[in-house]
Amino acid sequence: MSSATDKVIGAANAAVGNVKQAVGKAVGSDKLEAEGIVQEAKGEGQKAVGDAKGAIKQGANKVAEVINKKL
């Protein structure tokens, strides 16, 4: 997956997790609330992976620019 895809899917998972938590609290479902917490954490982790991929790509591009200037 690309960094942008990871960020988008991560944000979606985090948002769905927040909704599940709210609905779980509203209806008194500890299970649904817990699922929401887990899904939100998964989304945040996935967004972090996307950020890391983006940073690595950006670093690699800078290295490539330096090498191309020296050639």
C-alpha atoms as a PDB file:
ATOM      1  CA  MET A   1       0.000   0.000   0.000  1.00  0.00           C
ATOM      2  CA  SER A   2       1.151   3.533  -0.628  1.00  0.00           C
ATOM      3  CA  SER A   3       1.650   6.007   2.188  1.00  0.00           C
ATOM      4  CA  ALA A   4      -1.427   7.962   1.099  1.00  0.00           C
ATOM      5  CA  THR A   5      -3.557   4.816   1.070  1.00  0.00           C
ATOM      6  CA  ASP A   6      -2.366   3.865   4.558  1.00  0.00           C
ATOM      7  CA  LYS A   7      -3.181   7.357   5.818  1.00  0.00           C
ATOM      8  CA  VAL A   8      -6.682   7.351   4.315  1.00  0.00           C
ATOM      9  CA  ILE A   9      -7.567   3.845   5.483  1.00  0.00           C
ATOM     10  CA  GLY A  10      -6.091   4.615   8.889  1.00  0.00           C
ATOM     11  CA  ALA A  11      -8.171   7.761   9.229  1.00  0.00           C
ATOM     12  CA  ALA A  12     -11.294   5.850   8.205  1.00  0.00           C
ATOM     13  CA  ASN A  13     -10.614   3.105  10.756  1.00  0.00           C
ATOM     14  CA  ALA A  14     -10.012   5.681  13.477  1.00  0.00           C
ATOM     15  CA  ALA A  15     -13.273   7.456  12.619  1.00  0.00           C
ATOM     16  CA  VAL A  16     -15.283   4.220  12.604  1.00  0.00           C
ATOM     17  CA  GLY A  17     -13.663   3.297  15.900  1.00  0.00           C
ATOM     18  CA  ASN A  18     -14.770   6.594  17.429  1.00  0.00           C
ATOM     19  CA  VAL A  19     -18.327   6.013  16.235  1.00  0.00           C
ATOM     20  CA  LYS A  20     -18.354   2.476  17.650  1.00  0.00           C
ATOM     21  CA  GLN A  21     -17.144   3.794  20.990  1.00  0.00           C
ATOM     22  CA  ALA A  22     -19.849   6.445  21.110  1.00  0.00           C
ATOM     23  CA  VAL A  23     -22.598   4.025  20.113  1.00  0.00           C
ATOM     24  CA  GLY A  24     -21.311   1.449  22.603  1.00  0.00           C
ATOM     25  CA  LYS A  25     -21.435   4.024  25.393  1.00  0.00           C
ATOM     26  CA  ALA A  26     -24.884   5.219  24.326  1.00  0.00           C
ATOM     27  CA  VAL A  27     -26.436   1.743  24.299  1.00  0.00           C
ATOM     28  CA  GLY A  28     -24.417   0.391  27.213  1.00  0.00           C
ATOM     29  CA  SER A  29     -22.496  -2.162  25.162  1.00  0.00           C
ATOM     30  CA  ASP A  30     -19.050  -2.690  26.637  1.00  0.00           C
ATOM     31  CA  LYS A  31     -18.221  -5.042  23.769  1.00  0.00           C
ATOM     32  CA  LEU A  32     -19.007  -2.475  21.067  1.00  0.00           C
ATOM     33  CA  GLU A  33     -17.143   0.219  22.970  1.00  0.00           C
ATOM     34  CA  ALA A  34     -14.095  -2.050  23.275  1.00  0.00           C
ATOM     35  CA  GLU A  35     -14.255  -2.881  19.553  1.00  0.00           C
ATOM     36  CA  GLY A  36     -14.251   0.847  18.881  1.00  0.00           C
ATOM     37  CA  ILE A  37     -11.175   1.388  21.023  1.00  0.00           C
ATOM     38  CA  VAL A  38      -9.340  -1.407  19.203  1.00  0.00           C
ATOM     39  CA  GLN A  39     -10.390  -0.156  15.759  1.00  0.00           C
ATOM     40  CA  GLU A  40      -9.381   3.408  16.589  1.00  0.00           C
ATOM     41  CA  ALA A  41      -5.952   2.205  17.738  1.00  0.00           C
ATOM     42  CA  LYS A  42      -5.603   0.157  14.553  1.00  0.00           C
ATOM     43  CA  GLY A  43      -6.429   3.237  12.504  1.00  0.00           C
ATOM     44  CA  GLU A  44      -3.934   5.395  14.374  1.00  0.00           C
ATOM     45  CA  GLY A  45      -1.268   2.738  13.839  1.00  0.00           C
ATOM     46  CA  GLN A  46      -2.049   2.529  10.155  1.00  0.00           C
ATOM     47  CA  LYS A  47      -1.816   6.312   9.821  1.00  0.00           C
ATOM     48  CA  ALA A  48       1.593   6.158  11.530  1.00  0.00           C
ATOM     49  CA  VAL A  49       2.731   3.539   9.013  1.00  0.00           C
ATOM     50  CA  GLY A  50       1.627   5.848   6.206  1.00  0.00           C
ATOM     51  CA  ASP A  51       3.543   8.735   7.761  1.00  0.00           C
ATOM     52  CA  ALA A  52       6.658   6.582   8.098  1.00  0.00           C
ATOM     53  CA  LYS A  53       6.418   5.407   4.483  1.00  0.00           C
ATOM     54  CA  GLY A  54       6.073   8.998   3.350  1.00  0.00           C
ATOM     55  CA  ALA A  55       9.100  10.092   5.367  1.00  0.00           C
ATOM     56  CA  ILE A  56      11.209   7.237   3.995  1.00  0.00           C
ATOM     57  CA  LYS A  57      10.165   8.059   0.440  1.00  0.00           C
ATOM     58  CA  GLN A  58      10.941  11.724   0.978  1.00  0.00           C
ATOM     59  CA  GLY A  59      14.371  10.863   2.383  1.00  0.00           C
ATOM     60  CA  ALA A  60      15.126   8.545  -0.512  1.00  0.00           C
ATOM     61  CA  ASN A  61      14.124  11.257  -2.977  1.00  0.00           C
ATOM     62  CA  LYS A  62      16.498  13.730  -1.300  1.00  0.00           C
ATOM     63  CA  VAL A  63      19.351  11.231  -1.518  1.00  0.00           C
ATOM     64  CA  ALA A  64      18.572  10.634  -5.189  1.00  0.00           C
ATOM     65  CA  GLU A  65      18.610  14.398  -5.842  1.00  0.00           C
ATOM     66  CA  VAL A  66      22.038  14.747  -4.221  1.00  0.00           C
ATOM     67  CA  ILE A  67      23.424  11.825  -6.200  1.00  0.00           C
ATOM     68  CA  ASN A  68      22.013  13.193  -9.471  1.00  0.00           C
ATOM     69  CA  LYS A  69      23.564  16.615  -8.812  1.00  0.00           C
ATOM     70  CA  LYS A  70      26.978  15.016  -8.305  1.00  0.00           C
ATOM     71  CA  LEU A  71      26.732  13.072 -11.560  1.00  0.00           C
END
